Structure formats: C-alpha cells, structure tokens
Amino acid sequence: MEYKTISPKEVKAYLRRSDVQVIDLREKESYDELHLKGAISIPYEELDSSMGKLDRGKVIFLYCERGSISLRAAGKLAAAGYRTVTLVGGIFALRHHNFE
C-alpha cells in the first residue's frame, strides 16, 4: 500500500475531516510547545509499540519537524495496511502558513 504526501496548503482541509487521525512524531517536548489542533503525540521511537492507538478506519496524518521522519513512518504504516498521508516539509514548512 502506498502513502500520500500533502503540502502545507492542504493541512487545514485534512484537519477539518472527521476521518483523519493526526499524529505528531516529534519528541514530547516539541509537541508540548506547538502542535496541530487535534494531534496526538507518538514520538517516532514509540510508533511500533503504539500502533494500537491508531484507528485503522481513519486516514493517519503524520508529521514531524521537517518531513523525513514522517515519510519513513508513512512507509512503515502503509506497509502494515494503514491509509497514510504525510506533510512535506513537516511542521517547519507550516511556519509561513496560517494553521490551527
């Protein structure tokens, strides 16, 4: 199974959807400082042991600081049968866009 990449311009549309679960893959401290509305914190290192928190009925929207870790996670989850999207450029790319 493949995953989709999305641009910062597409983030708001995904955040409004009821069929999306947003996962912040950064360290807990970074999540506590700033995160997307509705995101839950699952640091990348804990992803394998936290897959039970993911809803197979939803699109899993992944993001990290700059996008490389979420790309890796999206590939891993897609291979496990999850529908995944990942934010190109990570939360860093959103600094120039208005987001919730």
N, C-alpha and C. Protein backbone atom coordinates (compact mmCIF):
# COMPACT_ATOMS: atom_id res chain seq x y z
N MET A 1 0.85 -1.18 0.00
CA MET A 1 0.00 0.00 0.00
C MET A 1 0.90 1.25 0.00
N GLU A 2 0.46 2.25 -0.71
CA GLU A 2 1.22 3.48 -0.80
C GLU A 2 0.69 4.53 0.16
N TYR A 3 1.45 5.59 0.33
CA TYR A 3 1.01 6.73 1.14
C TYR A 3 1.01 7.97 0.26
N LYS A 4 0.34 9.00 0.75
CA LYS A 4 0.22 10.25 0.02
C LYS A 4 1.01 11.33 0.75
N THR A 5 1.62 12.24 0.00
CA THR A 5 2.25 13.41 0.60
C THR A 5 1.35 14.61 0.35
N ILE A 6 1.29 15.50 1.34
CA ILE A 6 0.47 16.70 1.19
C ILE A 6 1.31 17.94 1.45
N SER A 7 0.89 19.05 0.88
CA SER A 7 1.59 20.31 1.04
C SER A 7 1.00 21.08 2.22
N PRO A 8 1.72 22.09 2.71
CA PRO A 8 1.18 22.91 3.79
C PRO A 8 -0.19 23.51 3.45
N LYS A 9 -0.43 23.80 2.16
CA LYS A 9 -1.72 24.38 1.76
C LYS A 9 -2.88 23.43 1.99
N GLU A 10 -2.61 22.13 2.05
CA GLU A 10 -3.67 21.13 2.21
C GLU A 10 -3.97 20.78 3.67
N VAL A 11 -3.17 21.26 4.60
CA VAL A 11 -3.29 20.86 6.00
C VAL A 11 -4.66 21.20 6.59
N LYS A 12 -5.12 22.42 6.40
CA LYS A 12 -6.40 22.81 7.00
C LYS A 12 -7.53 21.90 6.57
N ALA A 13 -7.56 21.51 5.31
CA ALA A 13 -8.62 20.63 4.82
C ALA A 13 -8.56 19.28 5.55
N TYR A 14 -7.37 18.76 5.78
CA TYR A 14 -7.25 17.49 6.49
C TYR A 14 -7.64 17.63 7.95
N LEU A 15 -7.32 18.75 8.57
CA LEU A 15 -7.66 18.95 9.98
C LEU A 15 -9.17 19.04 10.19
N ARG A 16 -9.90 19.43 9.17
CA ARG A 16 -11.36 19.54 9.27
C ARG A 16 -12.07 18.20 9.08
N ARG A 17 -11.40 17.23 8.53
CA ARG A 17 -12.03 15.95 8.20
C ARG A 17 -12.23 15.09 9.44
N SER A 18 -13.37 14.43 9.51
CA SER A 18 -13.65 13.55 10.65
C SER A 18 -13.02 12.17 10.49
N ASP A 19 -12.54 11.86 9.29
CA ASP A 19 -11.95 10.54 9.04
C ASP A 19 -10.43 10.57 9.07
N VAL A 20 -9.87 11.54 9.79
CA VAL A 20 -8.41 11.70 9.86
C VAL A 20 -7.97 11.67 11.32
N GLN A 21 -6.90 10.92 11.60
CA GLN A 21 -6.26 10.92 12.91
C GLN A 21 -4.88 11.55 12.72
N VAL A 22 -4.60 12.62 13.44
CA VAL A 22 -3.36 13.38 13.28
C VAL A 22 -2.34 12.93 14.33
N ILE A 23 -1.15 12.56 13.86
CA ILE A 23 -0.10 12.05 14.73
C ILE A 23 1.15 12.93 14.60
N ASP A 24 1.60 13.46 15.73
CA ASP A 24 2.83 14.24 15.80
C ASP A 24 3.94 13.28 16.23
N LEU A 25 4.93 13.10 15.38
CA LEU A 25 6.01 12.14 15.61
C LEU A 25 7.22 12.73 16.31
N ARG A 26 7.15 14.00 16.66
CA ARG A 26 8.30 14.66 17.31
C ARG A 26 8.37 14.27 18.78
N GLU A 27 9.44 14.65 19.42
CA GLU A 27 9.60 14.41 20.86
C GLU A 27 8.50 15.14 21.63
N LYS A 28 8.16 14.61 22.78
CA LYS A 28 7.06 15.16 23.60
C LYS A 28 7.26 16.64 23.90
N GLU A 29 8.47 17.06 24.16
CA GLU A 29 8.75 18.47 24.48
C GLU A 29 8.38 19.38 23.31
N SER A 30 8.71 18.96 22.10
CA SER A 30 8.37 19.76 20.91
C SER A 30 6.86 19.81 20.72
N TYR A 31 6.20 18.67 20.93
CA TYR A 31 4.73 18.61 20.85
C TYR A 31 4.12 19.59 21.85
N ASP A 32 4.63 19.60 23.08
CA ASP A 32 4.08 20.47 24.12
C ASP A 32 4.22 21.95 23.76
N GLU A 33 5.27 22.31 23.04
CA GLU A 33 5.49 23.70 22.64
C GLU A 33 4.53 24.14 21.55
N LEU A 34 4.29 23.26 20.57
CA LEU A 34 3.45 23.59 19.42
C LEU A 34 3.05 22.32 18.71
N HIS A 35 1.77 22.20 18.42
CA HIS A 35 1.30 21.06 17.63
C HIS A 35 0.02 21.44 16.90
N LEU A 36 -0.31 20.65 15.90
CA LEU A 36 -1.53 20.89 15.15
C LEU A 36 -2.74 20.52 16.00
N LYS A 37 -3.81 21.25 15.80
CA LYS A 37 -5.05 21.02 16.54
C LYS A 37 -5.52 19.58 16.36
N GLY A 38 -5.77 18.92 17.47
CA GLY A 38 -6.27 17.55 17.44
C GLY A 38 -5.21 16.48 17.34
N ALA A 39 -3.95 16.88 17.21
CA ALA A 39 -2.87 15.90 17.06
C ALA A 39 -2.61 15.18 18.39
N ILE A 40 -2.24 13.91 18.27
CA ILE A 40 -1.77 13.19 19.45
C ILE A 40 -0.28 12.96 19.29
N SER A 41 0.41 12.91 20.41
CA SER A 41 1.85 12.75 20.41
C SER A 41 2.22 11.28 20.48
N ILE A 42 2.90 10.81 19.43
CA ILE A 42 3.51 9.48 19.42
C ILE A 42 4.90 9.67 18.82
N PRO A 43 5.91 9.88 19.67
CA PRO A 43 7.27 10.03 19.13
C PRO A 43 7.63 8.84 18.24
N TYR A 44 8.37 9.11 17.18
CA TYR A 44 8.71 8.07 16.20
C TYR A 44 9.28 6.81 16.87
N GLU A 45 10.10 6.99 17.87
CA GLU A 45 10.72 5.86 18.54
C GLU A 45 9.67 4.95 19.20
N GLU A 46 8.48 5.48 19.47
CA GLU A 46 7.42 4.72 20.13
C GLU A 46 6.34 4.24 19.15
N LEU A 47 6.53 4.50 17.87
CA LEU A 47 5.50 4.19 16.88
C LEU A 47 5.15 2.70 16.84
N ASP A 48 6.16 1.85 16.80
CA ASP A 48 5.89 0.41 16.72
C ASP A 48 5.07 -0.08 17.91
N SER A 49 5.42 0.39 19.10
CA SER A 49 4.72 -0.07 20.30
C SER A 49 3.38 0.65 20.51
N SER A 50 3.12 1.69 19.72
CA SER A 50 1.89 2.47 19.88
C SER A 50 0.89 2.28 18.75
N MET A 51 1.11 1.33 17.88
CA MET A 51 0.20 1.15 16.74
C MET A 51 -1.23 0.85 17.19
N GLY A 52 -1.40 0.34 18.40
CA GLY A 52 -2.74 0.09 18.92
C GLY A 52 -3.55 1.36 19.12
N LYS A 53 -2.89 2.51 19.19
CA LYS A 53 -3.57 3.80 19.35
C LYS A 53 -4.09 4.34 18.01
N LEU A 54 -3.66 3.73 16.91
CA LEU A 54 -4.04 4.20 15.59
C LEU A 54 -5.36 3.57 15.16
N ASP A 55 -6.20 4.36 14.54
CA ASP A 55 -7.51 3.91 14.10
C ASP A 55 -7.43 3.47 12.64
N ARG A 56 -7.54 2.16 12.40
CA ARG A 56 -7.45 1.63 11.04
C ARG A 56 -8.57 2.14 10.14
N GLY A 57 -9.64 2.65 10.71
CA GLY A 57 -10.75 3.16 9.93
C GLY A 57 -10.55 4.60 9.46
N LYS A 58 -9.45 5.21 9.89
CA LYS A 58 -9.19 6.60 9.54
C LYS A 58 -7.91 6.73 8.72
N VAL A 59 -7.79 7.87 8.06
CA VAL A 59 -6.54 8.23 7.39
C VAL A 59 -5.60 8.72 8.48
N ILE A 60 -4.40 8.19 8.52
CA ILE A 60 -3.41 8.59 9.52
C ILE A 60 -2.55 9.70 8.90
N PHE A 61 -2.68 10.91 9.46
CA PHE A 61 -1.95 12.09 9.01
C PHE A 61 -0.73 12.23 9.92
N LEU A 62 0.45 12.05 9.35
CA LEU A 62 1.70 12.09 10.10
C LEU A 62 2.48 13.36 9.81
N TYR A 63 3.10 13.91 10.86
CA TYR A 63 4.04 15.00 10.62
C TYR A 63 5.14 14.95 11.67
N CYS A 64 6.26 15.56 11.32
CA CYS A 64 7.40 15.66 12.22
C CYS A 64 7.96 17.08 12.08
N GLU A 65 9.22 17.27 12.41
CA GLU A 65 9.80 18.61 12.34
C GLU A 65 9.99 19.08 10.89
N ARG A 66 10.64 18.26 10.05
CA ARG A 66 10.96 18.69 8.69
C ARG A 66 10.50 17.73 7.60
N GLY A 67 9.87 16.64 7.97
CA GLY A 67 9.27 15.75 6.98
C GLY A 67 9.93 14.42 6.73
N SER A 68 11.20 14.26 7.08
CA SER A 68 11.87 13.00 6.76
C SER A 68 11.42 11.84 7.64
N ILE A 69 11.23 12.08 8.92
CA ILE A 69 10.79 11.02 9.83
C ILE A 69 9.36 10.60 9.50
N SER A 70 8.50 11.57 9.18
CA SER A 70 7.12 11.20 8.85
C SER A 70 7.04 10.42 7.54
N LEU A 71 7.95 10.68 6.61
CA LEU A 71 8.00 9.89 5.37
C LEU A 71 8.33 8.44 5.69
N ARG A 72 9.30 8.25 6.55
CA ARG A 72 9.69 6.89 6.96
C ARG A 72 8.52 6.19 7.67
N ALA A 73 7.87 6.91 8.58
CA ALA A 73 6.73 6.35 9.31
C ALA A 73 5.57 6.04 8.38
N ALA A 74 5.32 6.91 7.41
CA ALA A 74 4.22 6.68 6.47
C ALA A 74 4.45 5.41 5.67
N GLY A 75 5.68 5.18 5.24
CA GLY A 75 6.00 3.96 4.52
C GLY A 75 5.79 2.72 5.37
N LYS A 76 6.22 2.80 6.62
CA LYS A 76 6.07 1.68 7.56
C LYS A 76 4.58 1.38 7.81
N LEU A 77 3.80 2.43 8.06
CA LEU A 77 2.37 2.22 8.33
C LEU A 77 1.62 1.77 7.09
N ALA A 78 1.96 2.32 5.94
CA ALA A 78 1.32 1.90 4.70
C ALA A 78 1.58 0.42 4.45
N ALA A 79 2.80 -0.03 4.71
CA ALA A 79 3.14 -1.45 4.54
C ALA A 79 2.35 -2.33 5.49
N ALA A 80 1.94 -1.76 6.63
CA ALA A 80 1.15 -2.50 7.62
C ALA A 80 -0.35 -2.40 7.34
N GLY A 81 -0.71 -1.71 6.25
CA GLY A 81 -2.12 -1.66 5.85
C GLY A 81 -2.88 -0.41 6.24
N TYR A 82 -2.20 0.58 6.80
CA TYR A 82 -2.86 1.84 7.16
C TYR A 82 -2.91 2.78 5.96
N ARG A 83 -3.96 3.58 5.87
CA ARG A 83 -4.04 4.66 4.88
C ARG A 83 -3.33 5.85 5.50
N THR A 84 -2.26 6.32 4.89
CA THR A 84 -1.45 7.37 5.50
C THR A 84 -1.20 8.53 4.55
N VAL A 85 -1.06 9.71 5.16
CA VAL A 85 -0.60 10.91 4.46
C VAL A 85 0.48 11.53 5.32
N THR A 86 1.40 12.20 4.69
CA THR A 86 2.48 12.86 5.42
C THR A 86 2.69 14.27 4.87
N LEU A 87 3.04 15.16 5.76
CA LEU A 87 3.22 16.57 5.42
C LEU A 87 4.63 16.82 4.91
N VAL A 88 4.74 17.25 3.66
CA VAL A 88 6.04 17.59 3.06
C VAL A 88 6.62 18.80 3.80
N GLY A 89 7.84 18.65 4.28
CA GLY A 89 8.50 19.76 4.98
C GLY A 89 8.19 19.82 6.45
N GLY A 90 7.31 18.98 6.94
CA GLY A 90 6.98 18.93 8.36
C GLY A 90 6.38 20.21 8.90
N ILE A 91 6.32 20.30 10.21
CA ILE A 91 5.73 21.47 10.85
C ILE A 91 6.56 22.72 10.55
N PHE A 92 7.83 22.55 10.26
CA PHE A 92 8.69 23.67 9.89
C PHE A 92 8.13 24.39 8.66
N ALA A 93 7.59 23.64 7.70
CA ALA A 93 7.04 24.23 6.48
C ALA A 93 5.77 25.04 6.76
N LEU A 94 5.13 24.77 7.89
CA LEU A 94 3.88 25.48 8.21
C LEU A 94 4.12 26.85 8.83
N ARG A 95 5.31 27.15 9.19
CA ARG A 95 5.60 28.43 9.85
C ARG A 95 5.24 29.62 8.98
N HIS A 96 5.14 29.42 7.68
CA HIS A 96 4.81 30.51 6.76
C HIS A 96 3.34 30.45 6.32
N HIS A 97 2.58 29.56 6.92
CA HIS A 97 1.16 29.41 6.60
C HIS A 97 0.34 29.53 7.88
N ASN A 98 -0.88 30.00 7.75
CA ASN A 98 -1.77 30.01 8.90
C ASN A 98 -2.33 28.62 9.08
N PHE A 99 -2.23 28.11 10.28
CA PHE A 99 -2.80 26.78 10.55
C PHE A 99 -3.34 26.76 11.97
N GLU A 100 -4.15 25.72 12.24
CA GLU A 100 -4.77 25.58 13.57
C GLU A 100 -4.13 24.45 14.30
